[in-house]
Amino acid sequence: MKPGTRLKSAVCDTEVMVIRCGDGEIQCGGAAMVEAKTGNSGEPSADHAGGTLMGKRYVDAAGAYELLCVKPGKGSLSVDGEALVTKDAKPLPASD
């Protein structure tokens, strides 16, 4: 997988664009994300149903993965079972 790839959730409406990635499996709602969606095949699992927010960037603790949410959904993002968190905005320098 390379940066710029669009992935779709198999269990909800979430769609992301890959900004940076490693070698793991990107998941949404507890199911692997796919490049071509044919339709929802169920609901997100209860422990992976935190939801995603449009326009937010999601990263892992090591910084190997960064995903941009382009369509929100009910499932939460993870890589190999490790939950991704929203990336904090960089603070602007003070203008005195």
PDB file of N, CA and C in Angstrom:
ATOM      1  N   MET A   1       0.848  -1.171   0.000  1.00  0.00           N
ATOM      2  CA  MET A   1       0.000   0.000   0.000  1.00  0.00           C
ATOM      3  C   MET A   1       0.895   1.236   0.000  1.00  0.00           C
ATOM      4  N   LYS A   2       0.430   2.264  -0.698  1.00  0.00           N
ATOM      5  CA  LYS A   2       1.230   3.476  -0.811  1.00  0.00           C
ATOM      6  C   LYS A   2       0.407   4.697  -0.414  1.00  0.00           C
ATOM      7  N   PRO A   3       1.073   5.806  -0.067  1.00  0.00           N
ATOM      8  CA  PRO A   3       0.350   7.036   0.254  1.00  0.00           C
ATOM      9  C   PRO A   3      -0.543   7.460  -0.905  1.00  0.00           C
ATOM     10  N   GLY A   4      -1.731   7.955  -0.564  1.00  0.00           N
ATOM     11  CA  GLY A   4      -2.701   8.371  -1.564  1.00  0.00           C
ATOM     12  C   GLY A   4      -3.771   7.329  -1.828  1.00  0.00           C
ATOM     13  N   THR A   5      -3.580   6.110  -1.332  1.00  0.00           N
ATOM     14  CA  THR A   5      -4.560   5.043  -1.511  1.00  0.00           C
ATOM     15  C   THR A   5      -5.800   5.355  -0.686  1.00  0.00           C
ATOM     16  N   ARG A   6      -6.983   5.171  -1.286  1.00  0.00           N
ATOM     17  CA  ARG A   6      -8.251   5.355  -0.559  1.00  0.00           C
ATOM     18  C   ARG A   6      -8.748   3.989  -0.125  1.00  0.00           C
ATOM     19  N   LEU A   7      -9.102   3.878   1.153  1.00  0.00           N
ATOM     20  CA  LEU A   7      -9.619   2.632   1.703  1.00  0.00           C
ATOM     21  C   LEU A   7     -11.034   2.843   2.207  1.00  0.00           C
ATOM     22  N   LYS A   8     -11.845   1.797   2.107  1.00  0.00           N
ATOM     23  CA  LYS A   8     -13.229   1.851   2.551  1.00  0.00           C
ATOM     24  C   LYS A   8     -13.461   0.761   3.580  1.00  0.00           C
ATOM     25  N   SER A   9     -14.280   1.053   4.577  1.00  0.00           N
ATOM     26  CA  SER A   9     -14.624   0.079   5.602  1.00  0.00           C
ATOM     27  C   SER A   9     -15.588  -0.951   5.021  1.00  0.00           C
ATOM     28  N   ALA A  10     -15.450  -2.190   5.491  1.00  0.00           N
ATOM     29  CA  ALA A  10     -16.356  -3.254   5.056  1.00  0.00           C
ATOM     30  C   ALA A  10     -17.612  -3.309   5.920  1.00  0.00           C
ATOM     31  N   VAL A  11     -17.624  -2.592   7.062  1.00  0.00           N
ATOM     32  CA  VAL A  11     -18.756  -2.697   7.988  1.00  0.00           C
ATOM     33  C   VAL A  11     -19.479  -1.384   8.273  1.00  0.00           C
ATOM     34  N   CYS A  12     -18.970  -0.268   7.758  1.00  0.00           N
ATOM     35  CA  CYS A  12     -19.653   1.021   7.961  1.00  0.00           C
ATOM     36  C   CYS A  12     -19.319   1.947   6.802  1.00  0.00           C
ATOM     37  N   ASP A  13     -19.655   3.231   6.922  1.00  0.00           N
ATOM     38  CA  ASP A  13     -19.467   4.192   5.837  1.00  0.00           C
ATOM     39  C   ASP A  13     -18.089   4.848   5.813  1.00  0.00           C
ATOM     40  N   THR A  14     -17.222   4.537   6.770  1.00  0.00           N
ATOM     41  CA  THR A  14     -15.923   5.192   6.882  1.00  0.00           C
ATOM     42  C   THR A  14     -15.069   4.987   5.635  1.00  0.00           C
ATOM     43  N   GLU A  15     -14.465   6.091   5.181  1.00  0.00           N
ATOM     44  CA  GLU A  15     -13.492   6.056   4.098  1.00  0.00           C
ATOM     45  C   GLU A  15     -12.300   6.901   4.519  1.00  0.00           C
ATOM     46  N   VAL A  16     -11.083   6.412   4.241  1.00  0.00           N
ATOM     47  CA  VAL A  16      -9.861   7.125   4.613  1.00  0.00           C
ATOM     48  C   VAL A  16      -8.912   7.183   3.427  1.00  0.00           C
ATOM     49  N   MET A  17      -7.996   8.151   3.497  1.00  0.00           N
ATOM     50  CA  MET A  17      -6.898   8.227   2.543  1.00  0.00           C
ATOM     51  C   MET A  17      -5.618   7.981   3.327  1.00  0.00           C
ATOM     52  N   VAL A  18      -4.769   7.121   2.799  1.00  0.00           N
ATOM     53  CA  VAL A  18      -3.504   6.797   3.448  1.00  0.00           C
ATOM     54  C   VAL A  18      -2.523   7.941   3.229  1.00  0.00           C
ATOM     55  N   ILE A  19      -1.985   8.484   4.315  1.00  0.00           N
ATOM     56  CA  ILE A  19      -0.969   9.528   4.255  1.00  0.00           C
ATOM     57  C   ILE A  19       0.402   8.894   4.462  1.00  0.00           C
ATOM     58  N   ARG A  20       0.497   8.000   5.456  1.00  0.00           N
ATOM     59  CA  ARG A  20       1.745   7.284   5.766  1.00  0.00           C
ATOM     60  C   ARG A  20       1.343   5.907   6.272  1.00  0.00           C
ATOM     61  N   CYS A  21       2.073   4.866   5.850  1.00  0.00           N
ATOM     62  CA  CYS A  21       1.701   3.527   6.300  1.00  0.00           C
ATOM     63  C   CYS A  21       2.915   2.623   6.456  1.00  0.00           C
ATOM     64  N   GLY A  22       2.715   1.564   7.237  1.00  0.00           N
ATOM     65  CA  GLY A  22       3.734   0.545   7.457  1.00  0.00           C
ATOM     66  C   GLY A  22       3.288  -0.763   6.838  1.00  0.00           C
ATOM     67  N   ASP A  23       3.578  -1.876   7.521  1.00  0.00           N
ATOM     68  CA  ASP A  23       3.293  -3.194   6.965  1.00  0.00           C
ATOM     69  C   ASP A  23       2.096  -3.900   7.583  1.00  0.00           C
ATOM     70  N   GLY A  24       1.398  -3.287   8.521  1.00  0.00           N
ATOM     71  CA  GLY A  24       0.274  -3.948   9.190  1.00  0.00           C
ATOM     72  C   GLY A  24      -1.021  -3.860   8.406  1.00  0.00           C
ATOM     73  N   GLU A  25      -2.077  -4.449   8.998  1.00  0.00           N
ATOM     74  CA  GLU A  25      -3.400  -4.443   8.391  1.00  0.00           C
ATOM     75  C   GLU A  25      -4.236  -3.314   8.979  1.00  0.00           C
ATOM     76  N   ILE A  26      -4.727  -2.412   8.133  1.00  0.00           N
ATOM     77  CA  ILE A  26      -5.559  -1.299   8.570  1.00  0.00           C
ATOM     78  C   ILE A  26      -6.990  -1.812   8.695  1.00  0.00           C
ATOM     79  N   GLN A  27      -7.605  -1.545   9.859  1.00  0.00           N
ATOM     80  CA  GLN A  27      -8.941  -2.050  10.141  1.00  0.00           C
ATOM     81  C   GLN A  27      -9.869  -0.916  10.552  1.00  0.00           C
ATOM     82  N   CYS A  28     -11.158  -1.128  10.327  1.00  0.00           N
ATOM     83  CA  CYS A  28     -12.181  -0.203  10.782  1.00  0.00           C
ATOM     84  C   CYS A  28     -13.343  -1.030  11.317  1.00  0.00           C
ATOM     85  N   GLY A  29     -13.761  -0.762  12.530  1.00  0.00           N
ATOM     86  CA  GLY A  29     -14.858  -1.511  13.124  1.00  0.00           C
ATOM     87  C   GLY A  29     -14.508  -2.961  13.405  1.00  0.00           C
ATOM     88  N   GLY A  30     -13.219  -3.280  13.481  1.00  0.00           N
ATOM     89  CA  GLY A  30     -12.775  -4.643  13.747  1.00  0.00           C
ATOM     90  C   GLY A  30     -12.599  -5.488  12.497  1.00  0.00           C
ATOM     91  N   ALA A  31     -12.849  -4.933  11.302  1.00  0.00           N
ATOM     92  CA  ALA A  31     -12.704  -5.664  10.042  1.00  0.00           C
ATOM     93  C   ALA A  31     -11.695  -4.946   9.145  1.00  0.00           C
ATOM     94  N   ALA A  32     -10.991  -5.696   8.335  1.00  0.00           N
ATOM     95  CA  ALA A  32      -9.995  -5.120   7.425  1.00  0.00           C
ATOM     96  C   ALA A  32     -10.656  -4.169   6.429  1.00  0.00           C
ATOM     97  N   MET A  33      -9.957  -3.066   6.129  1.00  0.00           N
ATOM     98  CA  MET A  33     -10.455  -2.107   5.142  1.00  0.00           C
ATOM     99  C   MET A  33     -10.052  -2.580   3.754  1.00  0.00           C
ATOM    100  N   VAL A  34     -10.863  -2.219   2.755  1.00  0.00           N
ATOM    101  CA  VAL A  34     -10.631  -2.655   1.379  1.00  0.00           C
ATOM    102  C   VAL A  34     -10.573  -1.449   0.447  1.00  0.00           C
ATOM    103  N   GLU A  35     -10.000  -1.642  -0.733  1.00  0.00           N
ATOM    104  CA  GLU A  35      -9.907  -0.547  -1.703  1.00  0.00           C
ATOM    105  C   GLU A  35     -11.198  -0.363  -2.479  1.00  0.00           C
ATOM    106  N   ALA A  36     -11.926  -1.432  -2.753  1.00  0.00           N
ATOM    107  CA  ALA A  36     -13.187  -1.347  -3.503  1.00  0.00           C
ATOM    108  C   ALA A  36     -14.309  -1.915  -2.651  1.00  0.00           C
ATOM    109  N   LYS A  37     -15.275  -1.077  -2.330  1.00  0.00           N
ATOM    110  CA  LYS A  37     -16.372  -1.493  -1.462  1.00  0.00           C
ATOM    111  C   LYS A  37     -17.534  -2.029  -2.284  1.00  0.00           C
ATOM    112  N   THR A  38     -18.041  -3.188  -1.880  1.00  0.00           N
ATOM    113  CA  THR A  38     -19.176  -3.776  -2.573  1.00  0.00           C
ATOM    114  C   THR A  38     -20.457  -3.638  -1.771  1.00  0.00           C
ATOM    115  N   GLY A  39     -20.359  -3.182  -0.530  1.00  0.00           N
ATOM    116  CA  GLY A  39     -21.525  -3.020   0.336  1.00  0.00           C
ATOM    117  C   GLY A  39     -21.161  -3.397   1.766  1.00  0.00           C
ATOM    118  N   ASN A  40     -21.933  -2.880   2.701  1.00  0.00           N
ATOM    119  CA  ASN A  40     -21.680  -3.201   4.106  1.00  0.00           C
ATOM    120  C   ASN A  40     -22.007  -4.661   4.376  1.00  0.00           C
ATOM    121  N   SER A  41     -21.125  -5.318   5.109  1.00  0.00           N
ATOM    122  CA  SER A  41     -21.358  -6.720   5.443  1.00  0.00           C
ATOM    123  C   SER A  41     -21.422  -6.885   6.952  1.00  0.00           C
ATOM    124  N   GLY A  42     -22.325  -6.131   7.592  1.00  0.00           N
ATOM    125  CA  GLY A  42     -22.484  -6.244   9.035  1.00  0.00           C
ATOM    126  C   GLY A  42     -22.331  -4.907   9.729  1.00  0.00           C
ATOM    127  N   GLU A  43     -22.125  -4.990  11.017  1.00  0.00           N
ATOM    128  CA  GLU A  43     -21.967  -3.823  11.873  1.00  0.00           C
ATOM    129  C   GLU A  43     -20.588  -3.860  12.523  1.00  0.00           C
ATOM    130  N   PRO A  44     -20.043  -2.697  12.911  1.00  0.00           N
ATOM    131  CA  PRO A  44     -18.775  -2.689  13.634  1.00  0.00           C
ATOM    132  C   PRO A  44     -18.909  -3.450  14.955  1.00  0.00           C
ATOM    133  N   SER A  45     -17.841  -4.127  15.368  1.00  0.00           N
ATOM    134  CA  SER A  45     -17.890  -4.826  16.652  1.00  0.00           C
ATOM    135  C   SER A  45     -18.003  -3.790  17.768  1.00  0.00           C
ATOM    136  N   ALA A  46     -18.579  -4.182  18.889  1.00  0.00           N
ATOM    137  CA  ALA A  46     -18.870  -3.254  19.984  1.00  0.00           C
ATOM    138  C   ALA A  46     -17.616  -2.554  20.506  1.00  0.00           C
ATOM    139  N   ASP A  47     -16.481  -3.249  20.568  1.00  0.00           N
ATOM    140  CA  ASP A  47     -15.266  -2.630  21.090  1.00  0.00           C
ATOM    141  C   ASP A  47     -14.517  -1.804  20.039  1.00  0.00           C
ATOM    142  N   HIS A  48     -15.019  -1.779  18.804  1.00  0.00           N
ATOM    143  CA  HIS A  48     -14.430  -0.958  17.740  1.00  0.00           C
ATOM    144  C   HIS A  48     -15.480  -0.050  17.111  1.00  0.00           C
ATOM    145  N   ALA A  49     -16.404   0.460  17.919  1.00  0.00           N
ATOM    146  CA  ALA A  49     -17.490   1.294  17.407  1.00  0.00           C
ATOM    147  C   ALA A  49     -17.415   2.717  17.940  1.00  0.00           C
ATOM    148  N   GLY A  50     -16.196   3.265  18.041  1.00  0.00           N
ATOM    149  CA  GLY A  50     -16.026   4.624  18.548  1.00  0.00           C
ATOM    150  C   GLY A  50     -16.339   5.699  17.526  1.00  0.00           C
ATOM    151  N   GLY A  51     -16.380   5.336  16.256  1.00  0.00           N
ATOM    152  CA  GLY A  51     -16.693   6.290  15.200  1.00  0.00           C
ATOM    153  C   GLY A  51     -15.477   7.045  14.709  1.00  0.00           C
ATOM    154  N   THR A  52     -15.616   7.642  13.520  1.00  0.00           N
ATOM    155  CA  THR A  52     -14.561   8.469  12.931  1.00  0.00           C
ATOM    156  C   THR A  52     -15.148   9.832  12.589  1.00  0.00           C
ATOM    157  N   LEU A  53     -14.284  10.827  12.524  1.00  0.00           N
ATOM    158  CA  LEU A  53     -14.703  12.197  12.249  1.00  0.00           C
ATOM    159  C   LEU A  53     -14.079  12.677  10.940  1.00  0.00           C
ATOM    160  N   MET A  54     -14.891  13.282  10.085  1.00  0.00           N
ATOM    161  CA  MET A  54     -14.425  13.754   8.789  1.00  0.00           C
ATOM    162  C   MET A  54     -13.372  14.851   8.940  1.00  0.00           C
ATOM    163  N   GLY A  55     -12.319  14.751   8.146  1.00  0.00           N
ATOM    164  CA  GLY A  55     -11.267  15.758   8.147  1.00  0.00           C
ATOM    165  C   GLY A  55     -10.206  15.564   9.206  1.00  0.00           C
ATOM    166  N   LYS A  56     -10.374  14.605  10.083  1.00  0.00           N
ATOM    167  CA  LYS A  56      -9.391  14.354  11.142  1.00  0.00           C
ATOM    168  C   LYS A  56      -8.341  13.367  10.654  1.00  0.00           C
ATOM    169  N   ARG A  57      -7.129  13.529  11.168  1.00  0.00           N
ATOM    170  CA  ARG A  57      -6.047  12.598  10.874  1.00  0.00           C
ATOM    171  C   ARG A  57      -5.904  11.653  12.056  1.00  0.00           C
ATOM    172  N   TYR A  58      -5.738  10.378  11.745  1.00  0.00           N
ATOM    173  CA  TYR A  58      -5.600   9.341  12.766  1.00  0.00           C
ATOM    174  C   TYR A  58      -4.210   8.745  12.670  1.00  0.00           C
ATOM    175  N   VAL A  59      -3.545   8.600  13.819  1.00  0.00           N
ATOM    176  CA  VAL A  59      -2.176   8.094  13.872  1.00  0.00           C
ATOM    177  C   VAL A  59      -2.060   6.997  14.923  1.00  0.00           C
ATOM    178  N   ASP A  60      -1.005   6.176  14.784  1.00  0.00           N
ATOM    179  CA  ASP A  60      -0.705   5.175  15.807  1.00  0.00           C
ATOM    180  C   ASP A  60       0.341   5.744  16.754  1.00  0.00           C
ATOM    181  N   ALA A  61       0.607   5.042  17.849  1.00  0.00           N
ATOM    182  CA  ALA A  61       1.531   5.535  18.874  1.00  0.00           C
ATOM    183  C   ALA A  61       2.958   5.654  18.340  1.00  0.00           C
ATOM    184  N   ALA A  62       3.361   4.764  17.453  1.00  0.00           N
ATOM    185  CA  ALA A  62       4.729   4.773  16.928  1.00  0.00           C
ATOM    186  C   ALA A  62       4.925   5.794  15.811  1.00  0.00           C
ATOM    187  N   GLY A  63       3.844   6.303  15.240  1.00  0.00           N
ATOM    188  CA  GLY A  63       3.934   7.273  14.159  1.00  0.00           C
ATOM    189  C   GLY A  63       4.173   6.642  12.790  1.00  0.00           C
ATOM    190  N   ALA A  64       3.993   5.337  12.666  1.00  0.00           N
ATOM    191  CA  ALA A  64       4.201   4.650  11.386  1.00  0.00           C
ATOM    192  C   ALA A  64       3.000   4.816  10.458  1.00  0.00           C
ATOM    193  N   TYR A  65       1.816   5.065  11.019  1.00  0.00           N
ATOM    194  CA  TYR A  65       0.595   5.166  10.227  1.00  0.00           C
ATOM    195  C   TYR A  65      -0.035   6.533  10.419  1.00  0.00           C
ATOM    196  N   GLU A  66      -0.545   7.088   9.327  1.00  0.00           N
ATOM    197  CA  GLU A  66      -1.338   8.311   9.391  1.00  0.00           C
ATOM    198  C   GLU A  66      -2.416   8.198   8.325  1.00  0.00           C
ATOM    199  N   LEU A  67      -3.669   8.316   8.740  1.00  0.00           N
ATOM    200  CA  LEU A  67      -4.813   8.199   7.848  1.00  0.00           C
ATOM    201  C   LEU A  67      -5.655   9.461   7.948  1.00  0.00           C
ATOM    202  N   LEU A  68      -6.168   9.930   6.827  1.00  0.00           N
ATOM    203  CA  LEU A  68      -7.052  11.091   6.789  1.00  0.00           C
ATOM    204  C   LEU A  68      -8.463  10.594   6.513  1.00  0.00           C
ATOM    205  N   CYS A  69      -9.397  10.898   7.411  1.00  0.00           N
ATOM    206  CA  CYS A  69     -10.782  10.470   7.242  1.00  0.00           C
ATOM    207  C   CYS A  69     -11.475  11.385   6.233  1.00  0.00           C
ATOM    208  N   VAL A  70     -11.938  10.802   5.109  1.00  0.00           N
ATOM    209  CA  VAL A  70     -12.618  11.581   4.083  1.00  0.00           C
ATOM    210  C   VAL A  70     -14.125  11.359   4.101  1.00  0.00           C
ATOM    211  N   LYS A  71     -14.590  10.342   4.836  1.00  0.00           N
ATOM    212  CA  LYS A  71     -16.019  10.108   5.015  1.00  0.00           C
ATOM    213  C   LYS A  71     -16.198   9.452   6.387  1.00  0.00           C
ATOM    214  N   PRO A  72     -16.986  10.050   7.280  1.00  0.00           N
ATOM    215  CA  PRO A  72     -17.135   9.505   8.631  1.00  0.00           C
ATOM    216  C   PRO A  72     -18.014   8.258   8.659  1.00  0.00           C
ATOM    217  N   GLY A  73     -17.886   7.516   9.755  1.00  0.00           N
ATOM    218  CA  GLY A  73     -18.697   6.325   9.938  1.00  0.00           C
ATOM    219  C   GLY A  73     -18.734   5.904  11.399  1.00  0.00           C
ATOM    220  N   LYS A  74     -19.385   4.781  11.672  1.00  0.00           N
ATOM    221  CA  LYS A  74     -19.577   4.296  13.044  1.00  0.00           C
ATOM    222  C   LYS A  74     -18.368   3.556  13.594  1.00  0.00           C
ATOM    223  N   GLY A  75     -17.558   2.951  12.745  1.00  0.00           N
ATOM    224  CA  GLY A  75     -16.425   2.146  13.197  1.00  0.00           C
ATOM    225  C   GLY A  75     -15.237   2.999  13.583  1.00  0.00           C
ATOM    226  N   SER A  76     -14.384   2.475  14.469  1.00  0.00           N
ATOM    227  CA  SER A  76     -13.158   3.167  14.836  1.00  0.00           C
ATOM    228  C   SER A  76     -11.980   2.502  14.126  1.00  0.00           C
ATOM    229  N   LEU A  77     -10.934   3.284  13.864  1.00  0.00           N
ATOM    230  CA  LEU A  77      -9.784   2.816  13.103  1.00  0.00           C
ATOM    231  C   LEU A  77      -8.747   2.155  13.997  1.00  0.00           C
ATOM    232  N   SER A  78      -8.099   1.124  13.461  1.00  0.00           N
ATOM    233  CA  SER A  78      -7.029   0.440  14.172  1.00  0.00           C
ATOM    234  C   SER A  78      -6.075  -0.184  13.161  1.00  0.00           C
ATOM    235  N   VAL A  79      -4.888  -0.565  13.645  1.00  0.00           N
ATOM    236  CA  VAL A  79      -3.900  -1.277  12.835  1.00  0.00           C
ATOM    237  C   VAL A  79      -3.486  -2.505  13.623  1.00  0.00           C
ATOM    238  N   ASP A  80      -3.742  -3.670  13.070  1.00  0.00           N
ATOM    239  CA  ASP A  80      -3.441  -4.941  13.732  1.00  0.00           C
ATOM    240  C   ASP A  80      -4.005  -4.978  15.153  1.00  0.00           C
ATOM    241  N   GLY A  81      -5.202  -4.429  15.343  1.00  0.00           N
ATOM    242  CA  GLY A  81      -5.868  -4.448  16.643  1.00  0.00           C
ATOM    243  C   GLY A  81      -5.511  -3.294  17.560  1.00  0.00           C
ATOM    244  N   GLU A  82      -4.500  -2.491  17.222  1.00  0.00           N
ATOM    245  CA  GLU A  82      -4.100  -1.341  18.043  1.00  0.00           C
ATOM    246  C   GLU A  82      -4.863  -0.109  17.571  1.00  0.00           C
ATOM    247  N   ALA A  83      -5.631   0.505  18.469  1.00  0.00           N
ATOM    248  CA  ALA A  83      -6.472   1.651  18.114  1.00  0.00           C
ATOM    249  C   ALA A  83      -5.641   2.847  17.677  1.00  0.00           C
ATOM    250  N   LEU A  84      -6.134   3.553  16.662  1.00  0.00           N
ATOM    251  CA  LEU A  84      -5.523   4.803  16.221  1.00  0.00           C
ATOM    252  C   LEU A  84      -6.224   5.958  16.924  1.00  0.00           C
ATOM    253  N   VAL A  85      -5.488   7.035  17.167  1.00  0.00           N
ATOM    254  CA  VAL A  85      -6.041   8.203  17.845  1.00  0.00           C
ATOM    255  C   VAL A  85      -5.957   9.410  16.912  1.00  0.00           C
ATOM    256  N   THR A  86      -6.772  10.428  17.194  1.00  0.00           N
ATOM    257  CA  THR A  86      -6.730  11.634  16.366  1.00  0.00           C
ATOM    258  C   THR A  86      -5.424  12.376  16.607  1.00  0.00           C
ATOM    259  N   LYS A  87      -4.894  12.913  15.536  1.00  0.00           N
ATOM    260  CA  LYS A  87      -3.635  13.653  15.612  1.00  0.00           C
ATOM    261  C   LYS A  87      -3.936  15.058  16.103  1.00  0.00           C
ATOM    262  N   ASP A  88      -3.172  15.517  17.077  1.00  0.00           N
ATOM    263  CA  ASP A  88      -3.359  16.862  17.613  1.00  0.00           C
ATOM    264  C   ASP A  88      -2.784  17.897  16.654  1.00  0.00           C
ATOM    265  N   ALA A  89      -3.433  19.029  16.592  1.00  0.00           N
ATOM    266  CA  ALA A  89      -2.943  20.126  15.754  1.00  0.00           C
ATOM    267  C   ALA A  89      -1.703  20.740  16.377  1.00  0.00           C
ATOM    268  N   LYS A  90      -0.797  21.186  15.537  1.00  0.00           N
ATOM    269  CA  LYS A  90       0.406  21.844  16.042  1.00  0.00           C
ATOM    270  C   LYS A  90       0.029  23.248  16.504  1.00  0.00           C
ATOM    271  N   PRO A  91       0.502  23.641  17.679  1.00  0.00           N
ATOM    272  CA  PRO A  91       0.164  24.993  18.151  1.00  0.00           C
ATOM    273  C   PRO A  91       0.899  26.044  17.311  1.00  0.00           C
ATOM    274  N   LEU A  92       0.213  27.125  17.048  1.00  0.00           N
ATOM    275  CA  LEU A  92       0.810  28.227  16.300  1.00  0.00           C
ATOM    276  C   LEU A  92       1.721  29.029  17.221  1.00  0.00           C
ATOM    277  N   PRO A  93       2.784  29.598  16.674  1.00  0.00           N
ATOM    278  CA  PRO A  93       3.648  30.413  17.521  1.00  0.00           C
ATOM    279  C   PRO A  93       2.939  31.684  17.973  1.00  0.00           C
ATOM    280  N   ALA A  94       3.278  32.122  19.153  1.00  0.00           N
ATOM    281  CA  ALA A  94       2.659  33.338  19.690  1.00  0.00           C
ATOM    282  C   ALA A  94       3.164  34.543  18.905  1.00  0.00           C
ATOM    283  N   SER A  95       2.270  35.445  18.629  1.00  0.00           N
ATOM    284  CA  SER A  95       2.680  36.679  17.935  1.00  0.00           C
ATOM    285  C   SER A  95       2.578  37.832  18.925  1.00  0.00           C
ATOM    286  N   ASP A  96       3.710  38.317  19.303  1.00  0.00           N
ATOM    287  CA  ASP A  96       3.742  39.404  20.296  1.00  0.00           C
ATOM    288  C   ASP A  96       3.949  40.741  19.648  1.00  0.00           C
TER     289      ASP A  96
END
